[in-house]
């Protein structure tokens, strides 16, 4: 059975080092368990055709000023500062993929997957925010295994995630039909499980991210010593997507108090200058394996990254988590009883009362969760080796869930309309009350004016009579 893996890899607009890493980890896990697989070199619908926007965002932005000239100027300034480093970072991501992946010779797009079959018997879409509803492009057909070349093929979803955003009601029916055609489904966050349980009318398991399927030794071997190796102990700060001024200040103050060098690995360069007065070294021109080296050799990691938190747990690295949109970081911290490692304060003294991480207890949980995830994947593959494709929902079940979805959307629309009308009524009542109060004040004012004019008139009469 030929296995094709599709996931977020190097083709991301944000060069997150964990994106190409987790696909490689999953492929190596399968290999260790006797399954050869091929990673599909895939550019999702929101990526675009060209690498220029990602490798050289300065050039891409210069050609597209847009209507917001201030935003354009800020973006140009950002990418001008990182012009050469950005190209190096992109090239190192590509080098990591080309060196480590067993992947398709051809790079596929959603359009090409509708026209050409890569030739796999079973497709696995794996982890991260692959089932998101992009505001512009909707769902990605490749990540949902809905391309024409995948019709009738065996399909497994391992720890799919939808991210922080909810789905647009008009597109949920398409998602239902695509997901219903999977043989096996698992998700990464409990909130997504709750959604799919209702959508499908069946339970789907919550499993650990593929990053947990391999152990500390694997990551230590994979890590690559970077060009810049600190001469003294250091702390790392890595921010994924969201800016977090508090975490930057917290990391900076902690490093200063403990005599550590602070190294910033974040995607956005302005984080290195926030807040004013912090001092640390920014290293941007690194690949995923070098990023991993810094995480594994630091004294402590300050991060809002899901995968940086996971790798810290696996490799027994102290870490502090900061704010991140969505619930994926909160979910994984709760899984390992580490919610106390999430800090919202920028006061370094607040770290003194935080309980240390019991890494022995964490490792015990990792073994249990990783076994559960491994059993799911390997069990699904063993089953599909001997059985034909069997959709998660039968045609009758899909029809029932389609009706249930339509009823729910209709109920949601009615509830939203009722809430809108209630708010409008509340607004009208508030406006009427404010109008009544204004009219009452106007009447009071008129009375006071009449009384005042009356006093003037009477005073004038008395004055004239005295003459």
Protein backbone atom coordinates (compact mmCIF):
# COMPACT_ATOMS: atom_id res chain seq x y z
CA UNK A 1 0.00 0.00 0.00
CA UNK A 2 1.60 3.25 -1.18
CA UNK A 3 1.24 6.01 1.43
CA UNK A 4 1.13 9.71 0.60
CA UNK A 5 1.46 12.29 3.38
CA UNK A 6 0.08 15.77 2.92
CA UNK A 7 0.56 18.53 5.45
CA UNK A 8 1.96 22.00 5.97
CA UNK A 9 5.66 21.87 5.13
CA UNK A 10 8.03 24.49 3.72
CA UNK A 11 5.32 26.17 1.64
CA UNK A 12 4.03 28.55 4.29
CA UNK A 13 3.87 32.32 4.20
CA UNK A 14 5.14 32.36 7.77
CA UNK A 15 8.44 30.50 7.97
CA UNK A 16 7.59 28.63 11.15
CA UNK A 17 10.40 26.10 11.78
CA UNK A 18 7.97 23.57 13.22
CA UNK A 19 6.02 23.29 9.95
CA UNK A 20 8.56 21.24 7.98
CA UNK A 21 9.70 19.52 11.17
CA UNK A 22 6.48 17.75 12.16
CA UNK A 23 5.96 16.27 8.68
CA UNK A 24 9.45 14.77 8.79
CA UNK A 25 8.88 13.43 12.31
CA UNK A 26 5.69 11.67 11.20
CA UNK A 27 7.40 10.14 8.18
CA UNK A 28 10.24 8.84 10.34
CA UNK A 29 7.76 7.41 12.83
CA UNK A 30 6.11 5.43 10.05
CA UNK A 31 9.49 4.24 8.80
CA UNK A 32 10.48 3.00 12.27
CA UNK A 33 7.27 0.97 12.29
CA UNK A 34 7.79 -0.63 8.89
CA UNK A 35 5.84 1.75 6.63
CA UNK A 36 7.48 3.57 3.74
CA UNK A 37 5.76 6.81 2.79
CA UNK A 38 6.17 9.80 0.53
CA UNK A 39 5.50 13.40 1.52
CA UNK A 40 3.61 15.24 -1.19
CA UNK A 41 5.42 18.46 -2.07
CA UNK A 42 2.32 20.63 -1.83
CA UNK A 43 1.52 24.31 -2.10
CA UNK A 44 -1.87 25.01 -0.48
CA UNK A 45 -4.45 27.24 -2.10
CA UNK A 46 -3.58 30.25 0.05
CA UNK A 47 0.16 30.04 -0.70
CA UNK A 48 0.02 31.23 -4.29
CA UNK A 49 2.01 30.05 -7.27
CA UNK A 50 5.30 31.82 -6.71
CA UNK A 51 7.83 31.62 -3.87
CA UNK A 52 8.70 35.31 -4.28
CA UNK A 53 6.10 36.49 -1.76
CA UNK A 54 7.67 34.26 0.89
CA UNK A 55 11.36 34.31 -0.03
CA UNK A 56 11.50 38.00 -0.96
CA UNK A 57 8.50 39.73 0.64
CA UNK A 58 10.18 43.13 0.10
CA UNK A 59 10.02 42.65 -3.67
CA UNK A 60 6.47 41.31 -3.53
CA UNK A 61 5.26 44.16 -1.29
CA UNK A 62 6.95 46.82 -3.41
CA UNK A 63 4.76 45.80 -6.34
CA UNK A 64 1.53 45.87 -4.28
CA UNK A 65 1.23 49.08 -2.25
CA UNK A 66 -2.49 48.66 -1.55
CA UNK A 67 -4.76 51.35 -0.13
CA UNK A 68 -3.23 51.55 3.36
CA UNK A 69 -0.03 53.44 2.67
CA UNK A 70 1.06 53.43 6.32
CA UNK A 71 0.76 49.64 6.49
CA UNK A 72 2.68 49.40 3.21
CA UNK A 73 5.46 51.62 4.58
CA UNK A 74 5.68 49.53 7.77
CA UNK A 75 5.87 46.29 5.77
CA UNK A 76 8.53 47.71 3.46
CA UNK A 77 10.59 48.82 6.45
CA UNK A 78 10.27 45.40 8.09
CA UNK A 79 11.35 43.40 5.08
CA UNK A 80 14.07 45.83 4.05
CA UNK A 81 15.77 45.14 7.39
CA UNK A 82 15.52 41.39 6.79
CA UNK A 83 15.97 41.22 3.04
CA UNK A 84 19.08 39.03 2.94
CA UNK A 85 18.33 37.11 6.15
CA UNK A 86 14.86 36.24 4.87
CA UNK A 87 16.26 34.67 1.71
CA UNK A 88 18.75 32.66 3.78
CA UNK A 89 15.99 31.47 6.12
CA UNK A 90 13.80 30.41 3.18
CA UNK A 91 16.68 28.59 1.49
CA UNK A 92 17.54 26.74 4.72
CA UNK A 93 13.92 25.60 5.05
CA UNK A 94 14.07 24.25 1.51
CA UNK A 95 17.43 22.62 2.20
CA UNK A 96 16.00 20.88 5.28
CA UNK A 97 13.11 19.50 3.24
CA UNK A 98 15.27 18.43 0.30
CA UNK A 99 17.77 16.75 2.65
CA UNK A 100 15.42 14.91 4.99
CA UNK A 101 12.13 14.26 3.18
CA UNK A 102 11.25 11.36 0.95
CA UNK A 103 8.96 13.45 -1.21
CA UNK A 104 7.37 13.62 -4.64
CA UNK A 105 9.50 14.84 -7.52
CA UNK A 106 6.72 17.15 -8.61
CA UNK A 107 5.32 20.05 -6.61
CA UNK A 108 1.52 19.83 -6.48
CA UNK A 109 -1.16 22.50 -6.17
CA UNK A 110 -4.90 22.03 -5.56
CA UNK A 111 -5.50 22.48 -9.29
CA UNK A 112 -2.87 19.89 -10.24
CA UNK A 113 -4.24 17.35 -7.74
CA UNK A 114 -7.58 17.63 -9.55
CA UNK A 115 -5.87 16.88 -12.85
CA UNK A 116 -3.11 14.40 -11.99
CA UNK A 117 -2.98 11.42 -9.63
CA UNK A 118 0.33 11.14 -7.70
CA UNK A 119 -0.39 7.41 -7.52
CA UNK A 120 -0.94 6.68 -3.82
CA UNK A 121 -3.31 4.05 -2.42
CA UNK A 122 -3.77 5.76 0.92
CA UNK A 123 -3.53 9.45 1.81
CA UNK A 124 -2.75 10.79 5.26
CA UNK A 125 -3.36 14.45 6.09
CA UNK A 126 -1.34 15.20 9.18
CA UNK A 127 -1.63 17.72 12.01
CA UNK A 128 -1.52 21.46 12.35
CA UNK A 129 -4.08 23.93 11.02
CA UNK A 130 -4.93 22.01 7.86
CA UNK A 131 -8.73 22.16 8.17
CA UNK A 132 -9.02 25.92 8.51
CA UNK A 133 -11.58 28.03 6.70
CA UNK A 134 -9.51 30.67 4.97
CA UNK A 135 -11.54 33.91 4.76
CA UNK A 136 -10.63 34.36 1.09
CA UNK A 137 -10.14 30.83 -0.28
CA UNK A 138 -12.23 28.68 2.06
CA UNK A 139 -11.03 25.13 2.77
CA UNK A 140 -8.00 23.68 1.05
CA UNK A 141 -9.01 20.64 -1.00
CA UNK A 142 -5.60 19.04 -0.71
CA UNK A 143 -5.51 19.20 3.08
CA UNK A 144 -9.08 17.87 3.29
CA UNK A 145 -8.19 15.08 0.81
CA UNK A 146 -11.02 16.24 -1.44
CA UNK A 147 -9.07 16.51 -4.71
CA UNK A 148 -10.29 14.43 -7.63
CA UNK A 149 -7.22 12.19 -7.57
CA UNK A 150 -8.24 11.09 -4.07
CA UNK A 151 -11.75 9.95 -4.98
CA UNK A 152 -12.31 6.42 -3.67
CA UNK A 153 -8.87 6.28 -2.03
CA UNK A 154 -8.22 5.31 1.57
CA UNK A 155 -7.91 8.34 3.85
CA UNK A 156 -6.61 8.99 7.35
CA UNK A 157 -6.64 12.28 9.24
CA UNK A 158 -4.11 12.38 12.06
CA UNK A 159 -4.58 15.19 14.60
CA UNK A 160 -6.17 17.66 12.22
CA UNK A 161 -6.72 21.16 13.59
CA UNK A 162 -8.86 24.11 12.52
CA UNK A 163 -6.99 26.82 14.41
CA UNK A 164 -8.51 29.77 16.19
CA UNK A 165 -11.23 30.71 13.70
CA UNK A 166 -14.71 29.25 13.42
CA UNK A 167 -16.25 28.09 10.15
CA UNK A 168 -18.37 30.08 7.77
CA UNK A 169 -21.84 28.44 7.69
CA UNK A 170 -22.02 28.49 3.88
CA UNK A 171 -18.93 26.29 3.66
CA UNK A 172 -19.69 23.76 6.39
CA UNK A 173 -21.68 21.46 4.10
CA UNK A 174 -18.64 21.03 1.85
CA UNK A 175 -16.49 20.19 4.87
CA UNK A 176 -19.05 17.65 6.06
CA UNK A 177 -19.07 15.86 2.71
CA UNK A 178 -15.28 15.77 2.52
CA UNK A 179 -14.69 14.62 6.10
CA UNK A 180 -17.43 12.00 5.80
CA UNK A 181 -15.33 10.27 3.12
CA UNK A 182 -12.41 9.58 5.48
CA UNK A 183 -11.76 6.08 6.80
CA UNK A 184 -10.22 7.27 10.08
CA UNK A 185 -10.30 10.69 11.75
CA UNK A 186 -8.51 12.11 14.77
CA UNK A 187 -8.03 15.70 15.92
CA UNK A 188 -5.54 17.63 18.01
CA UNK A 189 -7.74 19.83 20.24
CA UNK A 190 -10.75 18.99 22.36
CA UNK A 191 -12.69 22.01 21.08
CA UNK A 192 -12.39 20.67 17.52
CA UNK A 193 -13.44 17.23 18.70
CA UNK A 194 -16.63 18.72 20.15
CA UNK A 195 -17.37 20.40 16.83
CA UNK A 196 -16.76 17.28 14.70
CA UNK A 197 -18.67 15.05 17.12
CA UNK A 198 -21.73 17.23 16.51
CA UNK A 199 -21.10 17.60 12.78
CA UNK A 200 -20.60 13.87 12.13
CA UNK A 201 -22.83 12.43 14.82
CA UNK A 202 -19.94 10.18 15.84
CA UNK A 203 -17.04 10.55 18.23
CA UNK A 204 -13.53 11.28 17.00
CA UNK A 205 -10.51 10.88 19.28
CA UNK A 206 -8.21 13.64 20.47
CA UNK A 207 -4.61 12.48 20.02
CA UNK A 208 -1.13 13.89 20.54
CA UNK A 209 0.64 15.87 17.85
CA UNK A 210 3.13 13.81 15.76
CA UNK A 211 5.96 15.70 17.45
CA UNK A 212 5.35 13.42 20.48
CA UNK A 213 5.77 10.24 18.43
CA UNK A 214 9.56 10.56 18.56
CA UNK A 215 11.73 10.96 21.65
CA UNK A 216 14.48 13.19 22.96
CA UNK A 217 17.32 11.23 21.32
CA UNK A 218 15.75 11.72 17.90
CA UNK A 219 15.61 15.48 18.29
CA UNK A 220 19.11 15.74 19.72
CA UNK A 221 20.44 13.87 16.70
CA UNK A 222 18.42 16.03 14.30
CA UNK A 223 19.46 19.36 15.83
CA UNK A 224 22.20 21.19 13.92
CA UNK A 225 24.69 23.50 15.59
CA UNK A 226 24.13 27.00 14.18
CA UNK A 227 26.74 29.48 12.98
CA UNK A 228 26.28 31.55 16.12
CA UNK A 229 26.89 29.52 19.27
CA UNK A 230 26.64 31.56 22.49
CA UNK A 231 29.73 31.57 24.68
CA UNK A 232 27.65 31.60 27.88
CA UNK A 233 24.34 30.19 29.05
CA UNK A 234 21.39 31.66 27.23
CA UNK A 235 17.60 31.94 27.18
CA UNK A 236 15.49 31.75 24.03
CA UNK A 237 12.43 33.72 23.10
CA UNK A 238 10.41 32.47 20.15
CA UNK A 239 7.07 34.04 19.22
CA UNK A 240 4.86 32.40 16.62
CA UNK A 241 2.40 34.68 14.81
CA UNK A 242 1.26 36.86 17.73
CA UNK A 243 3.34 39.71 19.10
CA UNK A 244 3.66 39.59 22.87
CA UNK A 245 5.29 42.62 24.47
CA UNK A 246 4.87 41.24 27.98
CA UNK A 247 6.68 38.01 27.19
CA UNK A 248 9.54 39.91 25.54
CA UNK A 249 9.97 42.08 28.63
CA UNK A 250 9.66 39.08 30.94
CA UNK A 251 12.33 37.14 29.03
CA UNK A 252 14.62 40.16 28.86
CA UNK A 253 14.36 40.87 32.59
CA UNK A 254 14.79 37.19 33.47
CA UNK A 255 17.93 36.92 31.32
CA UNK A 256 19.39 40.09 32.81
CA UNK A 257 18.66 38.97 36.37
CA UNK A 258 20.23 35.52 35.82
CA UNK A 259 23.22 36.57 33.73
CA UNK A 260 21.96 34.88 30.57
CA UNK A 261 22.27 35.96 26.98
CA UNK A 262 18.83 36.34 25.39
CA UNK A 263 18.39 35.07 21.85
CA UNK A 264 15.34 35.98 19.79
CA UNK A 265 14.24 33.56 17.04
CA UNK A 266 10.83 35.02 16.23
CA UNK A 267 9.24 35.56 12.85
CA UNK A 268 8.64 39.29 13.21
CA UNK A 269 11.71 41.49 13.69
CA UNK A 270 9.93 44.28 15.56
CA UNK A 271 9.57 41.92 18.53
CA UNK A 272 13.30 42.40 19.04
CA UNK A 273 12.73 46.07 19.86
CA UNK A 274 9.74 45.68 22.16
CA UNK A 275 9.41 46.93 24.74
CA UNK A 276 11.86 49.81 24.70
CA UNK A 277 14.94 49.16 26.78
CA UNK A 278 15.22 45.41 26.25
CA UNK A 279 18.47 44.08 24.83
CA UNK A 280 18.97 40.76 23.11
CA UNK A 281 20.42 39.18 20.02
CA UNK A 282 18.13 38.50 17.09
CA UNK A 283 18.93 35.46 14.95
CA UNK A 284 16.74 35.11 11.90
CA UNK A 285 18.73 33.33 9.19
CA UNK A 286 18.30 29.80 10.56
CA UNK A 287 16.66 26.58 9.43
CA UNK A 288 14.40 24.20 11.39
CA UNK A 289 17.32 22.06 12.61
CA UNK A 290 19.20 25.12 13.92
CA UNK A 291 16.05 26.43 15.58
CA UNK A 292 15.77 23.05 17.26
CA UNK A 293 19.38 23.31 18.52
CA UNK A 294 18.69 26.61 20.26
CA UNK A 295 15.55 25.22 21.95
CA UNK A 296 17.42 22.13 23.18
CA UNK A 297 20.48 23.95 24.51
CA UNK A 298 18.89 26.93 26.24
CA UNK A 299 18.50 27.36 29.97
CA UNK A 300 14.85 28.30 29.47
CA UNK A 301 12.51 28.92 26.52
CA UNK A 302 9.99 31.78 26.49
CA UNK A 303 7.45 31.05 23.77
CA UNK A 304 3.84 31.15 22.64
CA UNK A 305 4.48 28.40 20.09
CA UNK A 306 2.59 25.12 20.38
CA UNK A 307 5.46 23.06 19.02
CA UNK A 308 8.16 24.89 20.98
CA UNK A 309 6.23 24.04 24.16
CA UNK A 310 5.93 20.41 23.04
CA UNK A 311 9.63 20.08 22.21
CA UNK A 312 10.55 21.64 25.56
CA UNK A 313 8.48 18.97 27.31
CA UNK A 314 9.96 16.12 25.28
CA UNK A 315 13.55 17.28 25.74
CA UNK A 316 13.23 18.30 29.42
CA UNK A 317 13.77 22.00 28.79
CA UNK A 318 12.38 24.58 31.18
CA UNK A 319 9.89 26.89 29.46
CA UNK A 320 7.38 29.68 30.01
CA UNK A 321 4.38 30.04 27.71
CA UNK A 322 2.82 33.36 26.78
CA UNK A 323 -0.42 34.42 25.10
CA UNK A 324 -1.43 32.81 21.80
CA UNK A 325 -4.70 33.06 19.88
CA UNK A 326 -6.89 29.95 19.90
CA UNK A 327 -6.78 27.10 22.39
CA UNK A 328 -4.08 24.77 21.06
CA UNK A 329 -1.38 25.90 23.51
CA UNK A 330 -3.80 25.84 26.44
CA UNK A 331 -4.94 22.36 25.39
CA UNK A 332 -1.46 20.83 25.32
CA UNK A 333 -0.48 22.50 28.61
CA UNK A 334 -3.61 21.08 30.24
CA UNK A 335 -2.86 17.63 28.83
CA UNK A 336 0.41 17.57 30.78
CA UNK A 337 -0.80 19.44 33.88
CA UNK A 338 1.41 22.39 32.98
CA UNK A 339 -1.14 25.18 32.75
CA UNK A 340 0.79 26.99 35.49
CA UNK A 341 3.63 27.54 32.99
CA UNK A 342 1.47 30.03 31.09
CA UNK A 343 2.25 33.52 32.35
CA UNK A 344 0.46 36.76 31.46
CA UNK A 345 2.60 39.04 33.62
CA UNK A 346 5.65 41.02 32.53
CA UNK A 347 6.97 41.18 36.11
CA UNK A 348 9.98 38.87 36.44
CA UNK A 349 9.38 38.50 40.17
CA UNK A 350 6.14 36.65 39.39
CA UNK A 351 8.22 33.74 38.05
CA UNK A 352 9.64 33.03 41.49
CA UNK A 353 6.41 31.48 42.75
CA UNK A 354 5.85 29.16 39.78
CA UNK A 355 6.26 25.47 40.57
CA UNK A 356 9.09 23.72 38.69
CA UNK A 357 8.26 21.20 35.98
CA UNK A 358 8.16 17.59 37.12
CA UNK A 359 9.71 16.16 33.98
CA UNK A 360 9.44 12.57 35.20
CA UNK A 361 5.67 12.97 35.43
CA UNK A 362 5.63 14.71 32.05
CA UNK A 363 7.59 11.88 30.45
CA UNK A 364 5.17 9.33 31.86
CA UNK A 365 2.26 11.19 30.27
CA UNK A 366 4.17 11.52 27.00
CA UNK A 367 4.64 7.75 26.87
CA UNK A 368 0.92 7.18 27.43
CA UNK A 369 -0.24 9.81 24.93
CA UNK A 370 2.28 8.82 22.26
CA UNK A 371 1.29 5.16 22.57
CA UNK A 372 -2.35 6.12 22.08
CA UNK A 373 -1.45 8.12 18.97
CA UNK A 374 0.81 5.40 17.60
CA UNK A 375 -1.83 2.72 18.16
CA UNK A 376 -4.37 4.81 16.24
CA UNK A 377 -2.15 5.35 13.19
CA UNK A 378 -0.67 1.87 13.03
CA UNK A 379 -4.02 0.24 13.72
CA UNK A 380 -5.64 2.25 10.91
CA UNK A 381 -2.88 1.31 8.48
CA UNK A 382 -3.05 -2.38 9.37
CA UNK A 383 -6.81 -2.34 8.88
CA UNK A 384 -6.61 -0.56 5.51
CA UNK A 385 -4.00 -3.00 4.23
CA UNK A 386 -6.67 -5.72 4.30
CA UNK A 387 -9.85 -3.73 3.68
CA UNK A 388 -11.29 -1.51 0.99
CA UNK A 389 -12.03 2.15 1.48
CA UNK A 390 -15.01 2.63 3.78
CA UNK A 391 -16.27 6.19 4.32
CA UNK A 392 -16.67 7.38 7.90
CA UNK A 393 -20.36 8.00 7.18
CA UNK A 394 -22.67 5.93 5.00
CA UNK A 395 -24.83 7.75 2.42
CA UNK A 396 -27.81 7.51 4.78
CA UNK A 397 -25.79 8.86 7.70
CA UNK A 398 -24.46 11.67 5.55
CA UNK A 399 -27.99 12.61 4.52
CA UNK A 400 -29.04 12.68 8.17
CA UNK A 401 -26.04 14.81 9.17
CA UNK A 402 -26.67 17.13 6.22
CA UNK A 403 -30.20 17.73 7.50
CA UNK A 404 -28.94 18.17 11.05
CA UNK A 405 -26.37 20.68 9.82
CA UNK A 406 -28.99 22.59 7.84
CA UNK A 407 -31.28 22.62 10.89
CA UNK A 408 -28.46 23.84 13.10
CA UNK A 409 -27.45 26.58 10.65
CA UNK A 410 -31.10 27.65 10.37
CA UNK A 411 -31.44 27.69 14.15
CA UNK A 412 -28.19 29.66 14.44
CA UNK A 413 -29.44 32.14 11.86
CA UNK A 414 -32.74 32.55 13.69
CA UNK A 415 -30.93 32.95 16.99
CA UNK A 416 -28.56 35.47 15.42
CA UNK A 417 -31.51 37.34 13.91
CA UNK A 418 -33.31 37.30 17.26
CA UNK A 419 -30.17 38.62 18.94
CA UNK A 420 -29.86 41.27 16.26
CA UNK A 421 -33.48 42.33 16.72
CA UNK A 422 -33.08 42.32 20.49
CA UNK A 423 -29.99 44.50 20.20
CA UNK A 424 -31.77 46.79 17.76
CA UNK A 425 -34.74 47.04 20.10
CA UNK A 426 -32.36 47.73 22.99
CA UNK A 427 -30.67 50.37 20.87
CA UNK A 428 -33.99 51.97 19.94
CA UNK A 429 -35.09 51.94 23.57
CA UNK A 430 -31.80 53.49 24.59
CA UNK A 431 -32.12 56.17 21.91
CA UNK A 432 -35.73 56.83 22.96
CA UNK A 433 -34.67 57.12 26.59
CA UNK A 434 -31.82 59.44 25.67
CA UNK A 435 -34.23 61.51 23.53
CA UNK A 436 -36.71 61.67 26.38
CA UNK A 437 -33.97 62.74 28.77
CA UNK A 438 -32.84 65.44 26.33
CA UNK A 439 -36.41 66.70 25.93
CA UNK A 440 -36.88 66.73 29.68
CA UNK A 441 -33.67 68.71 30.09
CA UNK A 442 -34.82 71.09 27.36
CA UNK A 443 -38.13 71.62 29.15
CA UNK A 444 -36.31 72.27 32.42
CA UNK A 445 -34.03 74.70 30.64
CA UNK A 446 -36.99 76.53 29.10
CA UNK A 447 -38.63 76.82 32.50
CA UNK A 448 -35.45 78.19 34.02
CA UNK A 449 -35.12 80.66 31.15
CA UNK A 450 -38.73 81.81 31.60
CA UNK A 451 -38.20 82.25 35.32
CA UNK A 452 -34.98 84.13 34.68
CA UNK A 453 -36.64 86.41 32.10
CA UNK A 454 -39.56 86.91 34.48
CA UNK A 455 -37.21 88.05 37.21
CA UNK A 456 -35.51 90.46 34.80
CA UNK A 457 -38.88 91.82 33.67
CA UNK A 458 -40.09 92.33 37.22
CA UNK A 459 -36.79 93.94 38.20
CA UNK A 460 -37.01 96.28 35.20
CA UNK A 461 -40.57 97.26 36.08
CA UNK A 462 -39.58 98.05 39.65
CA UNK A 463 -36.64 100.07 38.36
CA UNK A 464 -38.88 102.11 36.02
CA UNK A 465 -41.46 102.68 38.74
CA UNK A 466 -38.75 104.09 41.02
CA UNK A 467 -37.82 106.80 38.54
